[in-house]
Amino acid sequence: MNYRQDKYGNSLSILGYGCMRLPRKLGAIDMQESERLIMTAIERGVNYFDTAYIYPGSEAALGEILAKNNARDRVNIATKLPHYLIKSRERLEEMFAEELRRLRTDHVDYYLMHMLTDIGAWERMVELGILEWLAEKRASGAIRQVGFSYHGNSEMFCRLVDAYEWDFCMIQYNYMDEHTQAGRRGLQHAHAKGLPVMIMEPLRGGRLVKNLPEGAKKIFASHTPARSPAEWAFRWLWNQGEVTVVLSGMSSMQMLEENLQSAESAAVGELSEADDDMLRRVAEAINAKMKVGCTGCGYCMPCPKGVDIPGTFAAYNRTAAEGWFAGEREYFMGTTLRKNRAAASQCVGCGKCEAHCPQGIAIREQLAAARKTLEGPIYKIAAKVAPWFTKF
C-alpha cells in the first residue's frame, strides 16, 4: 500500500474505504461479508475508513466490525456531522455522542461537516456555536481533525476553504469533473493552503465503469498499457500529488482486490502524455451528447441574481451523459440545497453573463432549457422542503 501524509505528518493509505455502499442482504448490511472486506482491506494496509451519520447502518456496522477484531487502533475513522439537521448546540452534542456510541469509540480521527453547500451554511453553524464546540472536542481529544465535504462550484469551495482553519477537506473529483464541482482549481487551492484533499466519487457512482458509450470503450481497449476503466480513473487521481486519499465504496472482493493492486503500485507523475490524451478522448466520448459547451471557466460569474451558471450547465449536461436522476441530484445539491439558492429560475435575462462567455454560449437560452429539464414537478416539491435543511 502506498501512503501520503496529512497536515500533521500522519500516513494515510491512498486508497480509502467508503462505507456508504457496504454489501447488503435483504435490505440490511451483510455483516459477514462486510467484515471479510473490511478486515482484508486493513490487512492489506488500508487505514482510512469513511462513513457518516446519515448512511443507514454504516457507522454501527463499522464500529461493530472494528471492535470485534480489536482493530480500532489500526485505522482512522472519518465520519460526518449532518449540519443541516442541527438547530441547537444541545442537538449537536447529542448527535456526536450517538455517533461515538455507534462507532464504539471515544474519538473520531477525521470529522467532517457533511456536504457544506455554501458559505452561508457554515456561517449558520458558527452562529450556533460550532467554533467553541469544536475547540472543546479538539482539546478533549474526542475529535482529532476537522474538515468538510463539498458539492458545488470551485468559487464557493475556495471561499469555504478560507473560512476556517480546516485540517482537511473532501471533494467530488475525477477526470470528468476536472473543471466542474470544486475541480482542479479547488484542489490546488486547498493544497496551497496545506490541506490534505480526500476524493469522493472517483468513478461517479460507478458510471465511469458501467454503461460507458461504445466510443469510450474502444478508446480504452486500444490503449497500452491495458487497464480497466476503473484503474485508469484511480490512477488519474493518484497521478496528482495534491490528492491524498481516494475513497472507493467497495462492495465485493473483486472490486477490493483490483483497487488494492492499483494502490500498491500507483505513483505521482506516472501517467504519460499519451495516457492523459487517451483519458481526454474518453471524456470527450462520454460528453458526446453534451447539451451545452460549457467548460466551467466561470467568466460568466458572478450572476447578479445569484444563479450558479456553470453548476447548472454541468448538471444539465450530466442528464444527457448519465441520465436524468444523476443530473437532477447534482443540480439540487449544488444550487438548491443551500442557504442562498442559485437555481436557473432566478435568471431575469439581463444578459451580463453572455458578454463575458469565451465560448459564446447563448446562456439565457440554455438556462431556460436547463430549467425546463431540471425544475420539473419533482424538483419543485423537493425545493419546498429544502429550506428546512438550510435554515434550521
Protein backbone atom coordinates (compact mmCIF):
# COMPACT_ATOMS: atom_id res chain seq x y z
CA MET A 1 0.00 0.00 0.00
CA ASN A 2 1.21 3.48 -0.81
CA TYR A 3 0.69 6.28 1.70
CA ARG A 4 0.55 10.06 1.70
CA GLN A 5 0.74 12.40 4.65
CA ASP A 6 -1.95 14.53 6.23
CA LYS A 7 -1.43 18.05 7.56
CA TYR A 8 0.37 16.77 10.65
CA GLY A 9 2.56 14.12 9.06
CA ASN A 10 0.33 11.10 9.70
CA SER A 11 0.45 8.46 6.98
CA LEU A 12 -2.83 7.72 5.21
CA SER A 13 -3.40 4.97 2.68
CA ILE A 14 -4.02 6.44 -0.76
CA LEU A 15 -7.00 4.08 -1.05
CA GLY A 16 -9.72 4.81 1.47
CA TYR A 17 -12.69 2.60 2.21
CA GLY A 18 -16.03 4.33 1.64
CA CYS A 19 -18.54 2.59 3.88
CA MET A 20 -21.71 4.01 2.33
CA ARG A 21 -22.05 1.05 -0.04
CA LEU A 22 -21.25 -1.90 2.21
CA PRO A 23 -22.81 -5.10 0.79
CA ARG A 24 -26.42 -5.73 1.77
CA LYS A 25 -28.63 -8.76 2.09
CA LEU A 26 -32.43 -8.45 2.24
CA GLY A 27 -32.06 -4.70 2.71
CA ALA A 28 -29.71 -4.87 5.71
CA ILE A 29 -25.93 -4.65 5.76
CA ASP A 30 -24.42 -8.09 5.27
CA MET A 31 -22.21 -8.14 8.35
CA GLN A 32 -20.34 -11.32 7.46
CA GLU A 33 -19.33 -10.13 4.01
CA SER A 34 -18.66 -6.59 5.23
CA GLU A 35 -16.35 -7.92 7.92
CA ARG A 36 -14.48 -10.01 5.37
CA LEU A 37 -13.99 -7.00 3.10
CA ILE A 38 -13.04 -4.53 5.82
CA MET A 39 -10.59 -6.84 7.54
CA THR A 40 -8.99 -7.81 4.22
CA ALA A 41 -8.55 -4.11 3.45
CA ILE A 42 -6.94 -3.50 6.85
CA GLU A 43 -4.59 -6.45 6.46
CA ARG A 44 -3.50 -5.06 3.08
CA GLY A 45 -2.78 -1.62 4.53
CA VAL A 46 -5.95 0.46 4.12
CA ASN A 47 -6.16 2.73 7.19
CA TYR A 48 -8.79 5.34 6.26
CA PHE A 49 -12.47 4.41 6.63
CA ASP A 50 -15.18 6.92 5.73
CA THR A 51 -18.77 6.81 6.98
CA ALA A 52 -21.48 9.29 8.01
CA TYR A 53 -24.36 9.75 10.42
CA ILE A 54 -26.93 9.53 7.64
CA TYR A 55 -25.57 6.38 5.91
CA PRO A 56 -28.10 3.73 7.05
CA GLY A 57 -26.40 1.28 9.40
CA SER A 58 -22.90 2.22 8.26
CA GLU A 59 -21.44 3.74 11.44
CA ALA A 60 -22.80 0.91 13.60
CA ALA A 61 -21.52 -1.78 11.22
CA LEU A 62 -18.04 -0.29 11.05
CA GLY A 63 -17.91 0.11 14.83
CA GLU A 64 -19.01 -3.46 15.44
CA ILE A 65 -16.50 -4.94 12.99
CA LEU A 66 -13.58 -2.93 14.36
CA ALA A 67 -14.48 -3.77 17.97
CA LYS A 68 -14.94 -7.48 17.24
CA ASN A 69 -11.49 -7.67 15.63
CA ASN A 70 -9.70 -5.31 18.05
CA ALA A 71 -8.85 -3.18 15.03
CA ARG A 72 -9.89 0.31 16.16
CA ASP A 73 -6.33 1.45 16.78
CA ARG A 74 -5.20 0.20 13.38
CA VAL A 75 -7.38 2.61 11.40
CA ASN A 76 -8.52 6.19 11.07
CA ILE A 77 -12.26 6.75 11.22
CA ALA A 78 -13.77 9.60 9.27
CA THR A 79 -17.41 10.41 9.88
CA LYS A 80 -19.65 13.39 9.30
CA LEU A 81 -21.93 15.82 11.11
CA PRO A 82 -25.21 16.42 9.23
CA HIS A 83 -25.19 20.15 9.99
CA TYR A 84 -28.44 20.57 8.05
CA LEU A 85 -30.23 18.61 10.81
CA ILE A 86 -28.78 20.70 13.63
CA LYS A 87 -30.77 23.56 15.14
CA SER A 88 -29.24 23.84 18.62
CA ARG A 89 -25.99 23.33 20.50
CA GLU A 90 -27.71 20.59 22.53
CA ARG A 91 -28.65 18.63 19.41
CA LEU A 92 -25.08 18.96 18.18
CA GLU A 93 -23.83 17.29 21.35
CA GLU A 94 -26.49 14.58 21.24
CA MET A 95 -25.74 13.66 17.66
CA PHE A 96 -21.99 13.43 18.17
CA ALA A 97 -22.47 11.26 21.26
CA GLU A 98 -24.68 8.98 19.22
CA GLU A 99 -22.00 8.67 16.56
CA LEU A 100 -19.41 7.68 19.18
CA ARG A 101 -21.78 5.02 20.52
CA ARG A 102 -22.42 3.63 17.07
CA LEU A 103 -18.70 3.56 16.26
CA ARG A 104 -17.80 2.09 19.68
CA THR A 105 -15.00 4.58 20.17
CA ASP A 106 -14.11 7.58 22.30
CA HIS A 107 -12.78 9.67 19.44
CA VAL A 108 -13.14 10.42 15.73
CA ASP A 109 -9.93 10.86 13.80
CA TYR A 110 -11.33 12.92 10.92
CA TYR A 111 -14.63 14.73 11.48
CA LEU A 112 -16.36 16.45 8.57
CA MET A 113 -19.12 18.98 8.26
CA HIS A 114 -21.22 16.93 5.86
CA MET A 115 -21.99 18.48 2.49
CA LEU A 116 -21.41 22.15 3.14
CA THR A 117 -23.19 23.81 0.23
CA ASP A 118 -22.13 27.43 0.60
CA ILE A 119 -20.56 29.91 2.98
CA GLY A 120 -23.97 30.63 4.49
CA ALA A 121 -24.30 27.06 5.74
CA TRP A 122 -21.01 27.39 7.60
CA GLU A 123 -21.90 30.83 8.99
CA ARG A 124 -25.14 29.43 10.37
CA MET A 125 -23.17 26.78 12.25
CA VAL A 126 -20.83 29.44 13.58
CA GLU A 127 -23.86 31.30 14.95
CA LEU A 128 -24.93 28.10 16.71
CA GLY A 129 -21.54 27.89 18.46
CA ILE A 130 -19.74 25.31 16.33
CA LEU A 131 -16.36 27.03 16.77
CA GLU A 132 -16.44 26.76 20.55
CA TRP A 133 -17.81 23.23 20.37
CA LEU A 134 -15.08 22.08 18.01
CA ALA A 135 -12.43 23.70 20.20
CA GLU A 136 -13.74 21.77 23.20
CA LYS A 137 -13.76 18.47 21.31
CA ARG A 138 -10.29 19.05 19.96
CA ALA A 139 -8.97 19.87 23.43
CA SER A 140 -10.50 16.71 24.90
CA GLY A 141 -9.23 14.52 22.06
CA ALA A 142 -12.73 13.45 21.03
CA ILE A 143 -12.13 14.97 17.59
CA ARG A 144 -8.61 14.84 16.20
CA GLN A 145 -9.03 16.72 12.90
CA VAL A 146 -11.83 18.81 11.39
CA GLY A 147 -12.80 19.09 7.74
CA PHE A 148 -15.75 19.38 5.40
CA SER A 149 -17.20 17.65 2.37
CA TYR A 150 -18.46 19.66 -0.56
CA HIS A 151 -20.61 19.57 -3.70
CA GLY A 152 -20.73 22.77 -5.71
CA ASN A 153 -18.58 25.09 -7.78
CA SER A 154 -14.92 25.99 -7.34
CA GLU A 155 -15.51 29.62 -6.35
CA MET A 156 -17.66 28.74 -3.34
CA PHE A 157 -15.34 25.89 -2.41
CA CYS A 158 -12.37 28.24 -2.24
CA ARG A 159 -14.37 30.61 -0.02
CA LEU A 160 -15.15 27.77 2.36
CA VAL A 161 -11.50 26.67 2.45
CA ASP A 162 -10.58 30.20 3.55
CA ALA A 163 -13.36 30.48 6.15
CA TYR A 164 -11.77 28.37 8.93
CA GLU A 165 -8.53 26.69 9.91
CA TRP A 166 -9.54 23.32 8.46
CA ASP A 167 -7.35 20.26 8.75
CA PHE A 168 -8.57 18.59 5.55
CA CYS A 169 -11.44 18.57 3.04
CA MET A 170 -13.28 16.21 0.71
CA ILE A 171 -14.46 16.90 -2.84
CA GLN A 172 -16.02 15.13 -5.79
CA TYR A 173 -13.25 14.89 -8.38
CA ASN A 174 -12.48 12.65 -11.36
CA TYR A 175 -11.38 13.02 -14.96
CA MET A 176 -14.91 14.07 -15.94
CA ASP A 177 -15.15 16.68 -13.16
CA GLU A 178 -11.73 18.23 -13.69
CA HIS A 179 -13.30 21.62 -14.38
CA THR A 180 -16.68 21.24 -12.66
CA GLN A 181 -17.55 20.86 -8.98
CA ALA A 182 -14.56 22.06 -6.91
CA GLY A 183 -12.40 20.93 -9.81
CA ARG A 184 -8.68 21.18 -10.28
CA ARG A 185 -8.80 24.85 -9.24
CA GLY A 186 -10.32 23.91 -5.88
CA LEU A 187 -7.94 21.00 -5.42
CA GLN A 188 -4.92 23.21 -5.97
CA HIS A 189 -6.28 25.99 -3.75
CA ALA A 190 -6.80 23.57 -0.85
CA HIS A 191 -3.36 22.07 -1.37
CA ALA A 192 -1.77 25.52 -1.41
CA LYS A 193 -3.37 26.13 2.00
CA GLY A 194 -1.76 22.94 3.31
CA LEU A 195 -4.95 20.86 3.32
CA PRO A 196 -4.99 17.16 2.51
CA VAL A 197 -7.75 16.51 -0.02
CA MET A 198 -9.87 13.36 0.15
CA ILE A 199 -11.65 12.38 -3.06
CA MET A 200 -15.18 11.02 -3.34
CA GLU A 201 -16.97 9.82 -6.48
CA PRO A 202 -13.78 8.83 -8.33
CA LEU A 203 -15.98 6.74 -10.64
CA ARG A 204 -19.05 9.00 -10.48
CA GLY A 205 -21.02 6.34 -8.63
CA GLY A 206 -19.75 3.62 -10.99
CA ARG A 207 -20.80 5.45 -14.15
CA LEU A 208 -17.20 5.72 -15.37
CA VAL A 209 -17.18 1.92 -15.44
CA LYS A 210 -20.76 0.85 -16.19
CA ASN A 211 -22.66 1.76 -19.36
CA LEU A 212 -19.77 3.58 -21.00
CA PRO A 213 -20.52 4.62 -24.59
CA GLU A 214 -19.03 2.34 -27.24
CA GLY A 215 -16.64 5.07 -28.35
CA ALA A 216 -15.13 5.30 -24.86
CA LYS A 217 -14.82 1.52 -24.61
CA LYS A 218 -12.93 1.37 -27.91
CA ILE A 219 -10.50 4.08 -26.79
CA PHE A 220 -9.73 2.18 -23.58
CA ALA A 221 -9.36 -1.13 -25.45
CA SER A 222 -6.90 0.26 -28.00
CA HIS A 223 -4.59 1.92 -25.47
CA THR A 224 -1.39 0.49 -24.00
CA PRO A 225 -0.87 -0.38 -21.17
CA ALA A 226 -4.10 -2.34 -20.91
CA ARG A 227 -6.02 -1.36 -17.78
CA SER A 228 -9.64 -1.40 -16.74
CA PRO A 229 -11.66 1.85 -16.87
CA ALA A 230 -11.74 1.83 -13.06
CA GLU A 231 -7.97 1.53 -12.76
CA TRP A 232 -7.42 4.37 -15.22
CA ALA A 233 -9.78 6.58 -13.22
CA PHE A 234 -7.98 5.87 -9.96
CA ARG A 235 -4.51 6.28 -11.45
CA TRP A 236 -5.51 9.62 -12.97
CA LEU A 237 -6.24 10.81 -9.43
CA TRP A 238 -3.19 9.29 -7.76
CA ASN A 239 -1.03 10.78 -10.52
CA GLN A 240 -1.68 14.17 -8.87
CA GLY A 241 0.34 14.94 -5.77
CA GLU A 242 -2.39 17.21 -4.41
CA VAL A 243 -4.66 14.18 -3.93
CA THR A 244 -4.26 12.49 -0.55
CA VAL A 245 -6.87 9.72 -0.27
CA VAL A 246 -9.25 8.36 -2.89
CA LEU A 247 -12.38 6.77 -1.46
CA SER A 248 -14.00 3.74 -3.01
CA GLY A 249 -17.26 2.14 -1.93
CA MET A 250 -16.10 -1.44 -2.41
CA SER A 251 -18.96 -3.91 -2.10
CA SER A 252 -17.26 -7.02 -3.47
CA MET A 253 -13.93 -8.78 -3.06
CA GLN A 254 -13.27 -8.37 -6.79
CA MET A 255 -13.58 -4.59 -6.53
CA LEU A 256 -11.43 -4.51 -3.41
CA GLU A 257 -8.69 -6.65 -4.91
CA GLU A 258 -8.50 -4.62 -8.12
CA ASN A 259 -8.28 -1.34 -6.21
CA LEU A 260 -5.70 -2.71 -3.76
CA GLN A 261 -3.44 -3.82 -6.60
CA SER A 262 -3.66 -0.38 -8.18
CA ALA A 263 -2.98 1.41 -4.87
CA GLU A 264 0.08 -0.73 -4.25
CA SER A 265 1.80 0.45 -7.44
CA ALA A 266 0.38 3.90 -8.26
CA ALA A 267 2.72 6.89 -8.14
CA VAL A 268 2.65 10.65 -8.65
CA GLY A 269 3.58 11.63 -12.19
CA GLU A 270 3.37 8.10 -13.61
CA LEU A 271 0.94 8.88 -16.44
CA SER A 272 2.40 9.80 -19.81
CA GLU A 273 1.18 12.48 -22.19
CA ALA A 274 -0.35 9.67 -24.25
CA ASP A 275 -2.24 8.43 -21.18
CA ASP A 276 -3.56 11.91 -20.46
CA ASP A 277 -4.59 12.32 -24.09
CA MET A 278 -6.40 8.98 -24.01
CA LEU A 279 -8.43 9.97 -20.96
CA ARG A 280 -9.22 13.33 -22.56
CA ARG A 281 -10.62 11.49 -25.59
CA VAL A 282 -12.61 9.18 -23.31
CA ALA A 283 -14.10 12.23 -21.59
CA GLU A 284 -14.99 13.70 -24.98
CA ALA A 285 -16.67 10.44 -25.99
CA ILE A 286 -18.70 10.39 -22.78
CA ASN A 287 -19.64 14.03 -23.33
CA ALA A 288 -20.62 13.49 -26.96
CA LYS A 289 -24.25 14.13 -26.04
CA MET A 290 -23.35 17.28 -24.11
CA LYS A 291 -26.19 19.78 -24.26
CA VAL A 292 -24.12 22.93 -23.54
CA GLY A 293 -20.48 23.53 -24.47
CA CYS A 294 -19.64 24.98 -21.07
CA THR A 295 -16.09 24.41 -19.83
CA GLY A 296 -16.80 25.65 -16.29
CA CYS A 297 -14.33 28.54 -16.66
CA GLY A 298 -16.53 30.83 -14.55
CA TYR A 299 -16.06 34.00 -16.61
CA CYS A 300 -19.86 34.42 -16.61
CA MET A 301 -19.87 34.73 -12.83
CA PRO A 302 -20.97 36.21 -10.54
CA CYS A 303 -24.56 36.38 -11.70
CA PRO A 304 -26.37 39.48 -10.33
CA LYS A 305 -29.26 37.24 -9.28
CA GLY A 306 -27.09 34.52 -7.80
CA VAL A 307 -27.59 31.83 -10.47
CA ASP A 308 -24.83 29.21 -10.45
CA ILE A 309 -24.45 29.15 -14.23
CA PRO A 310 -21.55 26.65 -14.56
CA GLY A 311 -23.12 24.40 -11.94
CA THR A 312 -26.46 24.43 -13.73
CA PHE A 313 -24.88 23.56 -17.07
CA ALA A 314 -22.76 20.80 -15.52
CA ALA A 315 -25.91 19.19 -14.10
CA TYR A 316 -27.80 19.71 -17.36
CA ASN A 317 -25.01 18.03 -19.32
CA ARG A 318 -24.96 15.21 -16.83
CA THR A 319 -28.59 14.39 -17.59
CA ALA A 320 -27.51 13.59 -21.15
CA ALA A 321 -24.38 11.64 -20.26
CA GLU A 322 -25.66 9.72 -17.23
CA GLY A 323 -29.42 10.06 -17.07
CA TRP A 324 -31.95 12.46 -15.60
CA PHE A 325 -31.61 11.36 -11.97
CA ALA A 326 -27.82 11.85 -11.89
CA GLY A 327 -28.15 15.38 -13.27
CA GLU A 328 -31.12 16.24 -11.07
CA ARG A 329 -29.29 15.11 -7.94
CA GLU A 330 -26.25 17.23 -8.80
CA TYR A 331 -28.44 20.23 -9.59
CA PHE A 332 -30.45 20.02 -6.39
CA MET A 333 -27.38 19.59 -4.18
CA GLY A 334 -25.35 22.27 -5.92
CA THR A 335 -27.91 25.02 -6.46
CA THR A 336 -30.92 24.46 -4.23
CA LEU A 337 -29.86 22.70 -1.04
CA ARG A 338 -28.04 25.79 0.19
CA LYS A 339 -28.86 28.86 2.20
CA ASN A 340 -28.62 31.21 -0.79
CA ARG A 341 -30.36 29.41 -3.63
CA ALA A 342 -28.63 29.54 -7.03
CA ALA A 343 -31.24 27.98 -9.33
CA ALA A 344 -31.71 28.69 -13.04
CA SER A 345 -35.22 30.01 -12.38
CA GLN A 346 -33.67 33.08 -10.74
CA CYS A 347 -32.39 34.30 -14.13
CA VAL A 348 -34.04 37.57 -15.20
CA GLY A 349 -32.44 37.63 -18.64
CA CYS A 350 -30.16 40.63 -18.11
CA GLY A 351 -27.51 39.13 -20.41
CA LYS A 352 -24.44 40.30 -18.46
CA CYS A 353 -23.12 36.74 -18.39
CA GLU A 354 -23.13 36.37 -22.18
CA ALA A 355 -20.84 39.37 -22.62
CA HIS A 356 -18.09 37.51 -20.77
CA CYS A 357 -18.51 33.94 -22.07
CA PRO A 358 -15.41 32.92 -24.11
CA GLN A 359 -17.42 30.04 -25.66
CA GLY A 360 -20.09 32.38 -26.99
CA ILE A 361 -22.85 30.37 -25.37
CA ALA A 362 -26.40 31.71 -25.54
CA ILE A 363 -26.54 31.45 -21.75
CA ARG A 364 -30.03 32.85 -21.25
CA GLU A 365 -31.49 30.47 -23.80
CA GLN A 366 -29.65 27.48 -22.36
CA LEU A 367 -30.59 28.36 -18.78
CA ALA A 368 -34.23 28.32 -19.85
CA ALA A 369 -33.76 24.88 -21.40
CA ALA A 370 -31.96 23.63 -18.29
CA ARG A 371 -34.73 24.96 -16.11
CA LYS A 372 -37.32 23.09 -18.16
CA THR A 373 -35.41 19.83 -17.69
CA LEU A 374 -34.23 20.24 -14.12
CA GLU A 375 -37.02 22.17 -12.42
CA GLY A 376 -39.95 19.86 -13.04
CA PRO A 377 -42.65 18.76 -10.57
CA ILE A 378 -40.34 16.52 -8.51
CA TYR A 379 -37.80 19.32 -8.16
CA LYS A 380 -40.47 21.81 -7.12
CA ILE A 381 -41.69 19.51 -4.35
CA ALA A 382 -38.13 18.92 -3.10
CA ALA A 383 -37.34 22.64 -3.31
CA LYS A 384 -40.18 23.41 -0.92
CA VAL A 385 -38.59 21.10 1.66
CA ALA A 386 -35.04 22.43 1.14
CA PRO A 387 -35.43 25.48 3.44
CA TRP A 388 -35.99 23.13 6.37
CA PHE A 389 -32.47 21.79 5.89
CA THR A 390 -30.78 25.14 5.25
CA LYS A 391 -32.40 27.32 7.92
CA PHE A 392 -32.62 25.04 10.95
